[in-house]
N, C-alpha and C. Protein backbone atom coordinates (compact mmCIF):
# COMPACT_ATOMS: atom_id res chain seq x y z
N MET A 1 113.65 274.74 117.25
CA MET A 1 112.50 274.46 116.67
C MET A 1 112.51 273.44 115.78
N THR A 2 111.66 272.18 115.91
CA THR A 2 111.77 271.18 115.02
C THR A 2 110.35 271.01 114.29
N PHE A 3 110.41 270.46 113.26
CA PHE A 3 109.40 269.80 112.63
C PHE A 3 109.22 268.65 112.21
N SER A 4 108.27 268.07 111.49
CA SER A 4 107.98 266.65 111.23
C SER A 4 108.83 266.15 110.19
N ILE A 5 109.21 264.56 110.41
CA ILE A 5 110.12 264.16 109.46
C ILE A 5 109.52 264.13 107.87
N TYR A 6 108.49 264.34 107.85
CA TYR A 6 107.74 264.12 106.58
C TYR A 6 107.90 265.88 106.11
N PHE A 7 107.53 266.56 106.75
CA PHE A 7 107.83 268.06 106.17
C PHE A 7 109.40 268.20 105.85
N PHE A 8 110.38 267.94 106.62
CA PHE A 8 111.76 267.59 106.30
C PHE A 8 111.91 266.93 105.01
N ILE A 9 111.75 266.12 104.73
CA ILE A 9 111.82 265.21 103.47
C ILE A 9 111.05 265.96 102.20
N LEU A 10 110.10 266.49 102.34
CA LEU A 10 109.38 267.12 101.40
C LEU A 10 110.26 268.45 101.26
N LEU A 11 110.41 269.07 101.90
CA LEU A 11 111.52 269.94 101.85
C LEU A 11 112.82 269.91 101.13
N VAL A 12 113.35 268.75 101.80
CA VAL A 12 114.85 268.60 100.84
C VAL A 12 114.44 268.32 99.39
N ILE A 13 113.25 267.64 99.25
CA ILE A 13 113.08 267.20 97.83
C ILE A 13 112.64 268.38 97.11
N VAL A 14 111.89 269.48 97.41
CA VAL A 14 111.73 270.54 96.75
C VAL A 14 113.05 271.32 96.61
N LEU A 15 113.81 271.55 97.70
CA LEU A 15 115.26 272.29 97.46
C LEU A 15 116.09 271.65 96.52
N SER A 16 116.03 270.17 96.25
CA SER A 16 116.76 269.57 95.62
C SER A 16 116.15 269.52 94.00
N MET A 17 115.08 270.19 93.82
CA MET A 17 114.71 270.49 92.36
C MET A 17 115.98 271.53 91.63
N ASP A 18 116.50 272.32 91.94
CA ASP A 18 117.31 272.92 91.44
C ASP A 18 118.45 272.19 90.75
N ALA A 19 118.81 271.31 91.70
CA ALA A 19 119.81 270.11 91.10
C ALA A 19 119.25 269.33 89.81
N PHE A 20 117.91 268.84 89.87
CA PHE A 20 117.43 268.17 89.09
C PHE A 20 117.43 269.16 87.79
N ALA A 21 117.16 270.17 87.89
CA ALA A 21 117.12 271.20 86.58
C ALA A 21 118.36 271.52 86.01
N ALA A 22 119.46 271.77 86.74
CA ALA A 22 120.72 271.64 86.59
C ALA A 22 121.13 270.51 85.67
N GLY A 23 120.96 269.35 86.16
CA GLY A 23 121.30 267.81 85.84
C GLY A 23 120.50 268.02 84.49
N PHE A 24 119.35 268.41 84.26
CA PHE A 24 118.54 267.90 83.21
C PHE A 24 119.23 268.77 81.86
N SER A 25 119.42 270.17 82.32
CA SER A 25 120.16 271.14 81.35
C SER A 25 121.30 270.38 80.76
N TYR A 26 122.03 269.78 81.81
CA TYR A 26 123.57 269.12 81.27
C TYR A 26 123.23 268.14 80.39
N GLY A 27 122.21 267.33 80.80
CA GLY A 27 121.61 266.26 80.08
C GLY A 27 121.21 266.39 78.77
N MET A 28 120.50 267.62 78.54
CA MET A 28 120.03 267.96 77.29
C MET A 28 121.08 268.49 76.53
N GLY A 29 122.26 268.98 77.26
CA GLY A 29 123.32 269.56 76.30
C GLY A 29 124.13 268.57 76.07
N ARG A 30 124.14 266.94 76.39
CA ARG A 30 124.85 265.94 76.26
C ARG A 30 126.27 266.29 76.83
N VAL A 31 126.29 267.01 78.29
CA VAL A 31 127.40 267.24 78.81
C VAL A 31 127.55 265.95 79.85
N LEU A 32 128.66 265.74 79.90
CA LEU A 32 128.96 264.31 80.74
C LEU A 32 129.30 264.91 82.14
N VAL A 33 128.63 264.07 83.25
CA VAL A 33 128.39 264.43 84.56
C VAL A 33 128.76 263.37 85.29
N PRO A 34 130.48 263.11 85.33
CA PRO A 34 130.92 261.96 85.83
C PRO A 34 130.52 261.93 87.30
N PHE A 35 130.86 260.61 87.82
CA PHE A 35 130.13 260.39 89.06
C PHE A 35 131.00 260.94 90.19
N PRO A 36 132.62 261.53 90.26
CA PRO A 36 132.91 262.44 91.47
C PRO A 36 132.19 263.56 91.24
N SER A 37 131.74 264.06 90.24
CA SER A 37 131.22 265.67 90.37
C SER A 37 129.74 265.51 90.60
N LEU A 38 129.05 264.50 90.57
CA LEU A 38 127.48 263.94 91.04
C LEU A 38 127.75 264.05 92.52
N LEU A 39 128.67 263.24 93.05
CA LEU A 39 129.12 263.27 94.56
C LEU A 39 129.37 264.21 95.14
N ILE A 40 130.03 265.59 94.46
CA ILE A 40 130.49 266.69 94.97
C ILE A 40 129.31 267.56 95.19
N ILE A 41 128.53 267.78 94.24
CA ILE A 41 127.42 268.60 94.28
C ILE A 41 126.39 268.05 95.66
N ALA A 42 126.27 266.73 95.56
CA ALA A 42 125.53 266.22 96.30
C ALA A 42 126.06 266.25 97.75
N LEU A 43 127.60 266.11 98.29
CA LEU A 43 127.76 266.13 99.59
C LEU A 43 127.95 267.64 99.96
N LEU A 44 128.33 268.57 98.85
CA LEU A 44 128.43 270.13 99.38
C LEU A 44 127.04 270.51 99.51
N SER A 45 125.88 270.28 98.65
CA SER A 45 124.48 270.60 98.80
C SER A 45 123.86 270.12 100.03
N GLY A 46 124.35 268.88 100.65
CA GLY A 46 123.66 268.14 101.99
C GLY A 46 124.22 268.64 102.92
N CYS A 47 125.37 269.00 102.82
CA CYS A 47 126.07 269.40 104.07
C CYS A 47 125.80 271.05 104.54
N MET A 48 125.45 271.78 103.33
CA MET A 48 125.18 273.27 103.60
C MET A 48 124.05 273.18 104.31
N LEU A 49 122.81 272.35 103.44
CA LEU A 49 121.44 272.05 103.82
C LEU A 49 121.45 271.88 105.47
N THR A 50 122.30 270.77 105.95
CA THR A 50 122.13 270.23 107.52
C THR A 50 122.92 271.11 108.30
N ALA A 51 123.83 271.71 107.84
CA ALA A 51 124.48 272.68 108.64
C ALA A 51 123.60 274.07 108.86
N SER A 52 122.93 274.49 108.11
CA SER A 52 122.34 275.61 108.05
C SER A 52 120.92 275.25 108.91
N MET A 53 120.36 273.94 108.90
CA MET A 53 119.11 273.52 109.93
C MET A 53 119.72 273.67 110.93
N ILE A 54 120.68 273.27 111.36
CA ILE A 54 121.54 273.05 112.70
C ILE A 54 121.56 274.48 113.16
N ALA A 55 122.33 275.14 112.53
CA ALA A 55 122.46 276.66 113.06
C ALA A 55 121.10 277.36 112.80
N GLY A 56 120.03 276.98 112.50
CA GLY A 56 118.76 277.70 112.05
C GLY A 56 118.06 277.51 113.82
N ASN A 57 118.18 276.05 113.84
CA ASN A 57 117.72 275.65 115.15
C ASN A 57 118.31 276.29 116.53
N PHE A 58 119.59 276.40 116.51
CA PHE A 58 120.17 277.14 117.52
C PHE A 58 119.81 278.69 117.57
N ILE A 59 119.97 279.32 116.40
CA ILE A 59 119.39 280.68 116.48
C ILE A 59 117.76 280.82 116.81
N LEU A 60 117.26 280.08 115.98
CA LEU A 60 115.70 279.83 116.29
C LEU A 60 115.20 280.00 117.58
N SER A 61 116.31 279.22 118.48
CA SER A 61 115.74 279.26 120.12
C SER A 61 115.92 280.41 120.74
N PHE A 62 116.50 281.36 120.34
CA PHE A 62 116.47 282.53 120.53
C PHE A 62 115.50 283.61 120.56
N ILE A 63 114.59 283.15 119.58
CA ILE A 63 113.51 284.00 118.97
C ILE A 63 112.38 283.49 119.41
N PRO A 64 111.23 284.43 119.96
CA PRO A 64 110.00 284.07 120.34
C PRO A 64 109.25 283.12 119.27
N ALA A 65 108.54 282.06 119.77
CA ALA A 65 107.99 281.32 118.73
C ALA A 65 106.97 282.00 117.62
N SER A 66 106.28 283.14 118.16
CA SER A 66 105.25 283.82 117.36
C SER A 66 106.00 284.39 116.00
N LEU A 67 107.27 285.05 116.31
CA LEU A 67 108.09 285.58 115.34
C LEU A 67 109.00 284.64 114.73
N THR A 68 109.13 283.30 115.26
CA THR A 68 109.90 282.24 114.54
C THR A 68 108.75 282.02 113.09
N LYS A 69 107.67 281.77 113.45
CA LYS A 69 106.89 281.38 112.48
C LYS A 69 106.76 282.28 111.33
N GLY A 70 106.82 283.52 111.56
CA GLY A 70 106.54 284.63 110.86
C GLY A 70 108.03 284.70 110.06
N ILE A 71 108.99 284.60 110.52
CA ILE A 71 110.21 284.60 109.62
C ILE A 71 110.28 283.32 108.78
N SER A 72 110.12 281.92 109.21
CA SER A 72 110.17 280.66 108.44
C SER A 72 109.09 280.89 107.41
N PHE A 73 107.71 281.43 107.64
CA PHE A 73 106.70 281.52 106.45
C PHE A 73 107.28 282.62 105.43
N SER A 74 108.17 283.67 105.83
CA SER A 74 108.42 284.83 105.04
C SER A 74 109.51 284.42 103.82
N VAL A 75 110.42 283.53 104.46
CA VAL A 75 111.66 282.81 103.79
C VAL A 75 111.22 281.76 102.80
N LEU A 76 110.06 280.84 103.23
CA LEU A 76 109.68 279.64 102.40
C LEU A 76 108.85 280.34 101.32
N PHE A 77 108.02 281.40 101.66
CA PHE A 77 107.14 282.10 100.72
C PHE A 77 108.00 282.61 99.78
N LEU A 78 109.16 283.67 99.90
CA LEU A 78 109.89 284.37 99.15
C LEU A 78 110.58 283.09 98.35
N LEU A 79 111.16 282.28 98.82
CA LEU A 79 111.67 281.08 97.96
C LEU A 79 110.45 280.41 97.00
N SER A 80 109.35 280.42 97.17
CA SER A 80 108.29 279.99 96.50
C SER A 80 108.37 280.87 95.22
N LEU A 81 108.35 282.01 95.39
CA LEU A 81 108.38 283.16 94.36
C LEU A 81 109.33 283.11 93.42
N TYR A 82 110.67 282.87 93.90
CA TYR A 82 111.66 282.81 93.00
C TYR A 82 111.79 281.48 92.14
N LYS A 83 110.97 280.28 93.08
CA LYS A 83 110.96 278.88 91.96
C LYS A 83 110.08 279.33 90.92
N PHE A 84 108.88 279.88 91.07
CA PHE A 84 107.85 280.52 90.07
C PHE A 84 108.56 281.23 89.09
N TYR A 85 109.48 282.40 89.31
CA TYR A 85 110.24 283.02 88.42
C TYR A 85 111.04 282.17 87.60
N ASP A 86 111.80 281.22 88.42
CA ASP A 86 112.64 280.39 87.42
C ASP A 86 112.15 279.42 86.56
N ALA A 87 110.83 279.10 87.28
CA ALA A 87 109.83 278.38 85.89
C ALA A 87 109.25 279.06 84.88
N LEU A 88 109.43 280.33 84.84
CA LEU A 88 109.01 280.96 83.52
C LEU A 88 109.68 280.75 82.13
N PRO A 89 109.07 280.80 81.05
CA PRO A 89 109.68 280.72 79.76
C PRO A 89 110.70 281.67 79.87
N GLN A 90 112.01 280.82 79.42
CA GLN A 90 113.21 281.65 79.51
C GLN A 90 113.65 282.58 78.24
N LEU A 91 112.82 283.58 77.86
CA LEU A 91 112.75 284.41 76.87
C LEU A 91 114.12 285.23 77.01
N HIS A 92 113.60 286.59 77.92
CA HIS A 92 114.66 287.45 77.90
C HIS A 92 115.47 287.30 79.02
N LEU A 93 115.03 286.19 79.93
CA LEU A 93 115.71 286.12 81.12
C LEU A 93 116.95 284.84 81.17
N LYS A 94 117.09 284.53 79.57
CA LYS A 94 117.69 283.55 79.24
C LYS A 94 119.26 283.98 79.69
N THR A 95 119.54 285.07 78.89
CA THR A 95 120.96 285.79 79.22
C THR A 95 121.21 286.50 80.55
N HIS A 96 119.95 287.03 81.15
CA HIS A 96 120.11 288.29 81.85
C HIS A 96 119.63 287.79 83.27
N GLY A 97 118.60 286.85 83.42
CA GLY A 97 118.30 286.38 84.58
C GLY A 97 119.06 285.48 85.67
N LEU A 98 118.89 285.52 86.55
CA LEU A 98 119.50 284.40 87.76
C LEU A 98 118.53 283.48 87.65
N THR A 99 118.82 282.53 86.79
CA THR A 99 117.86 281.14 86.90
C THR A 99 118.95 279.96 86.74
N THR A 100 118.21 278.78 87.21
CA THR A 100 119.08 277.70 87.22
C THR A 100 119.83 277.43 85.82
N ASP A 101 119.17 277.49 84.96
CA ASP A 101 119.66 277.40 83.47
C ASP A 101 120.94 278.10 83.23
N THR A 102 120.86 279.75 83.62
CA THR A 102 122.00 280.41 83.26
C THR A 102 123.03 280.03 84.19
N ILE A 103 122.84 279.78 85.51
CA ILE A 103 123.68 279.32 86.45
C ILE A 103 124.53 278.28 85.86
N SER A 104 123.96 277.11 85.31
CA SER A 104 124.67 275.77 85.03
C SER A 104 125.15 276.32 83.82
N GLU A 105 124.77 277.05 83.17
CA GLU A 105 125.60 277.57 81.71
C GLU A 105 126.96 278.04 82.07
N LYS A 106 126.83 279.10 82.99
CA LYS A 106 127.94 279.94 83.30
C LYS A 106 129.12 279.14 84.00
N VAL A 107 128.51 278.45 85.09
CA VAL A 107 129.54 277.52 85.74
C VAL A 107 130.51 276.47 84.80
N ASN A 108 130.15 275.78 83.66
CA ASN A 108 130.32 274.86 82.64
C ASN A 108 131.17 275.65 81.70
N LYS A 109 132.52 276.16 81.89
CA LYS A 109 133.19 276.94 80.72
C LYS A 109 134.23 276.49 80.40
N THR A 110 135.10 275.43 81.50
CA THR A 110 136.39 275.13 80.70
C THR A 110 136.19 274.08 79.77
N ASP A 111 135.50 273.13 79.81
CA ASP A 111 135.24 271.78 78.84
C ASP A 111 133.76 271.67 78.73
N LYS A 112 132.96 272.08 77.66
CA LYS A 112 131.66 272.27 77.52
C LYS A 112 131.27 270.61 77.55
N ASP A 113 131.83 269.92 77.37
CA ASP A 113 131.51 268.31 77.22
C ASP A 113 131.48 267.75 78.45
N ILE A 114 132.28 268.43 79.39
CA ILE A 114 132.25 267.68 80.75
C ILE A 114 132.20 268.52 82.04
N LEU A 115 131.55 268.09 83.04
CA LEU A 115 131.59 268.98 84.39
C LEU A 115 132.78 268.59 85.07
N SER A 116 133.45 269.37 85.54
CA SER A 116 134.59 268.77 86.23
C SER A 116 134.40 269.02 87.73
N GLY A 117 135.05 268.23 88.70
CA GLY A 117 134.94 268.58 89.88
C GLY A 117 135.23 269.84 90.54
N LYS A 118 135.80 270.73 89.98
CA LYS A 118 135.87 272.26 90.45
C LYS A 118 134.44 272.87 90.16
N GLU A 119 133.93 272.63 88.85
CA GLU A 119 132.94 273.29 88.38
C GLU A 119 131.69 272.92 89.05
N ALA A 120 131.40 271.48 89.46
CA ALA A 120 130.51 270.92 90.49
C ALA A 120 130.36 271.54 91.49
N ALA A 121 131.59 272.12 92.40
CA ALA A 121 131.86 272.80 93.54
C ALA A 121 131.32 274.07 93.62
N LEU A 122 131.39 274.59 92.37
CA LEU A 122 131.02 275.93 91.99
C LEU A 122 129.37 275.89 92.00
N LEU A 123 128.91 275.11 91.06
CA LEU A 123 127.48 274.52 90.81
C LEU A 123 126.96 274.38 92.16
N ALA A 124 127.32 273.67 93.44
CA ALA A 124 126.86 273.32 94.26
C ALA A 124 126.61 274.49 95.33
N PHE A 125 127.42 275.32 95.37
CA PHE A 125 127.51 276.32 96.23
C PHE A 125 126.60 277.41 95.56
N ALA A 126 126.48 277.55 94.19
CA ALA A 126 125.46 278.64 93.61
C ALA A 126 124.17 277.83 93.93
N LEU A 127 123.77 276.66 93.78
CA LEU A 127 122.36 276.41 93.89
C LEU A 127 122.04 275.84 95.39
N SER A 128 122.98 276.10 96.26
CA SER A 128 122.79 276.00 97.70
C SER A 128 122.18 277.09 98.36
N ILE A 129 122.08 278.22 97.65
CA ILE A 129 121.60 279.41 98.16
C ILE A 129 120.42 279.36 99.28
N ASP A 130 119.42 278.65 98.10
CA ASP A 130 118.18 278.53 98.92
C ASP A 130 117.82 277.48 99.88
N ASN A 131 118.92 276.53 99.92
CA ASN A 131 119.40 275.50 100.96
C ASN A 131 119.44 275.93 102.24
N ILE A 132 120.37 276.95 102.33
CA ILE A 132 120.69 277.83 103.33
C ILE A 132 119.47 278.64 103.85
N SER A 133 119.10 279.56 102.88
CA SER A 133 117.87 280.39 103.45
C SER A 133 116.90 279.28 104.24
N ALA A 134 116.55 278.47 103.69
CA ALA A 134 115.26 277.58 104.32
C ALA A 134 115.86 276.85 105.32
N GLY A 135 117.07 276.34 105.21
CA GLY A 135 117.59 275.63 107.01
C GLY A 135 117.65 276.75 107.77
N LEU A 136 118.05 278.03 107.53
CA LEU A 136 118.01 278.78 108.82
C LEU A 136 117.03 279.05 109.22
N CYS A 137 115.57 279.13 108.45
CA CYS A 137 114.30 279.56 109.05
C CYS A 137 113.92 278.67 109.57
N THR A 138 113.86 277.07 109.25
CA THR A 138 113.05 276.42 109.60
C THR A 138 113.54 275.29 110.79
N GLY A 139 114.85 275.22 111.28
CA GLY A 139 115.49 274.48 112.33
C GLY A 139 115.44 272.90 111.79
N THR A 140 115.39 272.03 112.66
CA THR A 140 115.79 270.80 112.32
C THR A 140 114.43 269.82 112.82
N VAL A 141 114.78 268.30 112.36
CA VAL A 141 113.88 267.46 113.04
C VAL A 141 114.46 266.69 114.09
N PRO A 142 113.66 265.96 114.86
CA PRO A 142 114.31 265.20 115.75
C PRO A 142 115.07 263.90 115.47
N LEU A 143 115.90 264.00 114.47
CA LEU A 143 116.83 262.75 114.02
C LEU A 143 118.22 263.59 114.32
N PRO A 144 119.30 261.96 114.49
CA PRO A 144 120.81 262.60 114.65
C PRO A 144 121.25 263.08 113.47
N ILE A 145 122.18 264.06 113.81
CA ILE A 145 123.04 264.83 112.46
C ILE A 145 123.44 263.66 111.48
N PHE A 146 123.73 262.69 112.07
CA PHE A 146 124.29 261.80 110.61
C PHE A 146 123.33 261.50 109.90
N VAL A 147 122.23 261.29 110.45
CA VAL A 147 121.07 260.57 109.56
C VAL A 147 120.28 261.65 108.52
N LEU A 148 120.32 262.91 109.13
CA LEU A 148 119.96 264.20 108.45
C LEU A 148 120.92 264.32 107.39
N LEU A 149 122.34 264.24 107.62
CA LEU A 149 123.12 264.31 106.33
C LEU A 149 123.00 263.48 105.36
N LEU A 150 122.74 262.29 106.03
CA LEU A 150 122.65 261.08 104.95
C LEU A 150 121.33 261.25 104.03
N ILE A 151 120.41 261.56 104.70
CA ILE A 151 118.97 261.85 103.88
C ILE A 151 119.30 263.19 102.69
N THR A 152 119.81 264.26 103.09
CA THR A 152 119.92 265.18 102.43
C THR A 152 121.07 265.03 101.13
N ILE A 153 122.04 264.19 101.56
CA ILE A 153 123.02 263.96 100.54
C ILE A 153 122.48 263.11 99.57
N ALA A 154 121.56 262.03 100.10
CA ALA A 154 121.13 261.18 99.06
C ALA A 154 119.64 261.62 98.11
N ILE A 155 119.20 262.41 98.80
CA ILE A 155 118.26 263.21 97.96
C ILE A 155 118.78 263.95 96.82
N HIS A 156 119.69 264.84 97.06
CA HIS A 156 120.43 265.61 96.14
C HIS A 156 120.92 264.70 95.04
N PHE A 157 121.88 263.92 95.56
CA PHE A 157 122.38 262.84 94.41
C PHE A 157 121.59 262.20 93.52
N ALA A 158 120.44 261.70 94.07
CA ALA A 158 119.18 261.22 93.12
C ALA A 158 118.55 262.32 92.32
N SER A 159 118.60 263.56 92.75
CA SER A 159 118.08 264.68 91.85
C SER A 159 118.71 265.08 90.62
N ILE A 160 120.09 265.01 90.76
CA ILE A 160 120.93 265.39 89.95
C ILE A 160 120.98 264.43 89.11
N ARG A 161 121.27 263.33 89.39
CA ARG A 161 121.40 261.98 88.49
C ARG A 161 120.28 261.76 87.74
N LEU A 162 118.86 262.08 88.36
CA LEU A 162 117.83 261.81 87.57
C LEU A 162 117.53 262.67 86.78
N GLY A 163 118.16 264.19 86.93
CA GLY A 163 117.77 265.00 86.00
C GLY A 163 118.78 264.87 84.77
N VAL A 164 120.13 264.39 85.10
CA VAL A 164 121.01 264.49 83.84
C VAL A 164 120.37 262.91 82.83
N LEU A 165 119.55 261.97 83.68
CA LEU A 165 119.11 260.95 82.92
C LEU A 165 118.08 261.35 82.19
N THR A 166 117.08 262.27 82.53
CA THR A 166 115.88 262.58 81.97
C THR A 166 116.19 263.49 80.80
N GLY A 167 117.15 264.37 80.85
CA GLY A 167 117.71 265.33 80.11
C GLY A 167 118.27 264.80 78.87
N ASN A 168 118.90 263.73 79.09
CA ASN A 168 119.48 262.69 77.90
C ASN A 168 118.34 261.91 77.23
N LEU A 169 117.39 261.54 77.77
CA LEU A 169 116.23 260.95 77.19
C LEU A 169 115.25 261.86 76.46
N LEU A 170 115.32 262.88 77.18
CA LEU A 170 114.13 264.23 76.23
C LEU A 170 114.74 265.33 76.26
N ALA A 171 115.63 265.04 75.52
CA ALA A 171 116.92 266.31 74.83
C ALA A 171 116.34 267.16 74.16
N ASN A 172 114.68 267.26 73.83
CA ASN A 172 114.08 268.21 72.91
C ASN A 172 112.82 269.17 73.92
N LYS A 173 112.88 268.21 75.24
CA LYS A 173 111.73 269.12 76.09
C LYS A 173 112.50 269.83 76.77
N SER A 174 111.47 270.69 77.48
CA SER A 174 111.87 271.78 78.51
C SER A 174 111.95 271.46 80.02
N SER A 175 113.03 271.59 80.80
CA SER A 175 113.12 270.97 82.34
C SER A 175 112.28 271.80 83.12
N HIS A 176 111.47 272.96 82.52
CA HIS A 176 110.91 274.06 83.32
C HIS A 176 109.32 273.66 83.17
N ARG A 177 108.97 272.63 82.56
CA ARG A 177 107.49 272.50 82.34
C ARG A 177 106.79 272.07 83.82
N PHE A 178 107.58 271.49 84.79
CA PHE A 178 106.96 271.30 85.82
C PHE A 178 107.74 271.92 86.95
N ALA A 179 108.95 272.71 86.75
CA ALA A 179 109.09 273.40 87.72
C ALA A 179 108.60 274.36 88.73
N TRP A 180 107.39 274.73 88.20
CA TRP A 180 106.42 275.52 88.99
C TRP A 180 106.19 275.07 90.07
N LEU A 181 105.90 273.24 89.91
CA LEU A 181 105.22 272.46 91.18
C LEU A 181 106.22 272.73 92.30
N GLY A 182 107.60 273.00 92.28
CA GLY A 182 108.35 273.47 93.42
C GLY A 182 108.06 274.65 94.13
N GLY A 183 107.73 275.38 93.47
CA GLY A 183 107.11 276.97 93.93
C GLY A 183 106.26 276.82 94.71
N LEU A 184 105.09 275.85 93.85
CA LEU A 184 103.65 275.52 94.46
C LEU A 184 104.16 275.01 95.92
N ILE A 185 104.62 273.99 96.08
CA ILE A 185 105.03 272.93 97.17
C ILE A 185 105.34 273.87 98.43
N LEU A 186 106.45 274.85 98.02
CA LEU A 186 107.05 275.52 98.82
C LEU A 186 106.23 276.58 99.33
N MET A 187 105.30 277.06 98.67
CA MET A 187 104.27 278.07 99.04
C MET A 187 103.17 277.45 100.14
N LEU A 188 102.78 276.32 99.91
CA LEU A 188 102.00 275.51 100.56
C LEU A 188 102.87 275.13 102.02
N LEU A 189 104.05 274.55 101.80
CA LEU A 189 104.92 274.82 103.17
C LEU A 189 104.94 275.84 104.04
N ALA A 190 105.25 277.07 103.20
CA ALA A 190 105.15 278.46 103.76
C ALA A 190 103.65 278.49 104.98
N PHE A 191 102.58 278.43 103.99
CA PHE A 191 101.50 278.36 104.76
C PHE A 191 101.21 277.40 106.12
N CYS A 192 101.61 275.97 105.83
CA CYS A 192 101.75 275.35 106.78
C CYS A 192 102.63 275.78 108.32
N ARG A 193 103.66 276.37 108.02
CA ARG A 193 104.56 276.92 109.12
C ARG A 193 103.35 278.08 110.02
N LEU A 194 102.41 278.48 109.57
CA LEU A 194 101.80 279.62 110.27
C LEU A 194 100.94 278.65 111.18
N PHE A 195 100.74 277.49 111.09
CA PHE A 195 99.93 276.67 112.05
C PHE A 195 100.47 275.78 113.00
């Protein structure tokens, strides 16, 4: 099952918003995220999304088209609900909820002032759960695997780098002011999958 390149790029951008939010929280906390750590997050996130899309394309080829649309809609819709939850004000959720901020805080334990390569890999795996879910349920676009991989890595790298830079500049703001937008876009994409 394939879908348009525009849908693919929009989906990758939305899925990379977690990387942006994590980068933002590190930027606000003045945590140094060195280039190798940024690259690890981008590579692992991009590889997992690309691999799951290829696997999803193979798996979905055995499922009737009508059922495929339902699965794709359901997963994207549930992901959109999680994004809305992640965008809620972090009152009681701050310490107990499974949000991008709490994941980012729990990962960076060794040295609070720098995100090591090992911590970056752990963060990439934690943030890629929704990438894998979305990839498995949507399939791929008609592009070579290398191009798919390059696009996903580049978008994830740009997202976390932009998040860190924005966090450094706006240290007193909240990264979740616009996080609901990712949820809204995923919900729209979910309904688009029904047509």
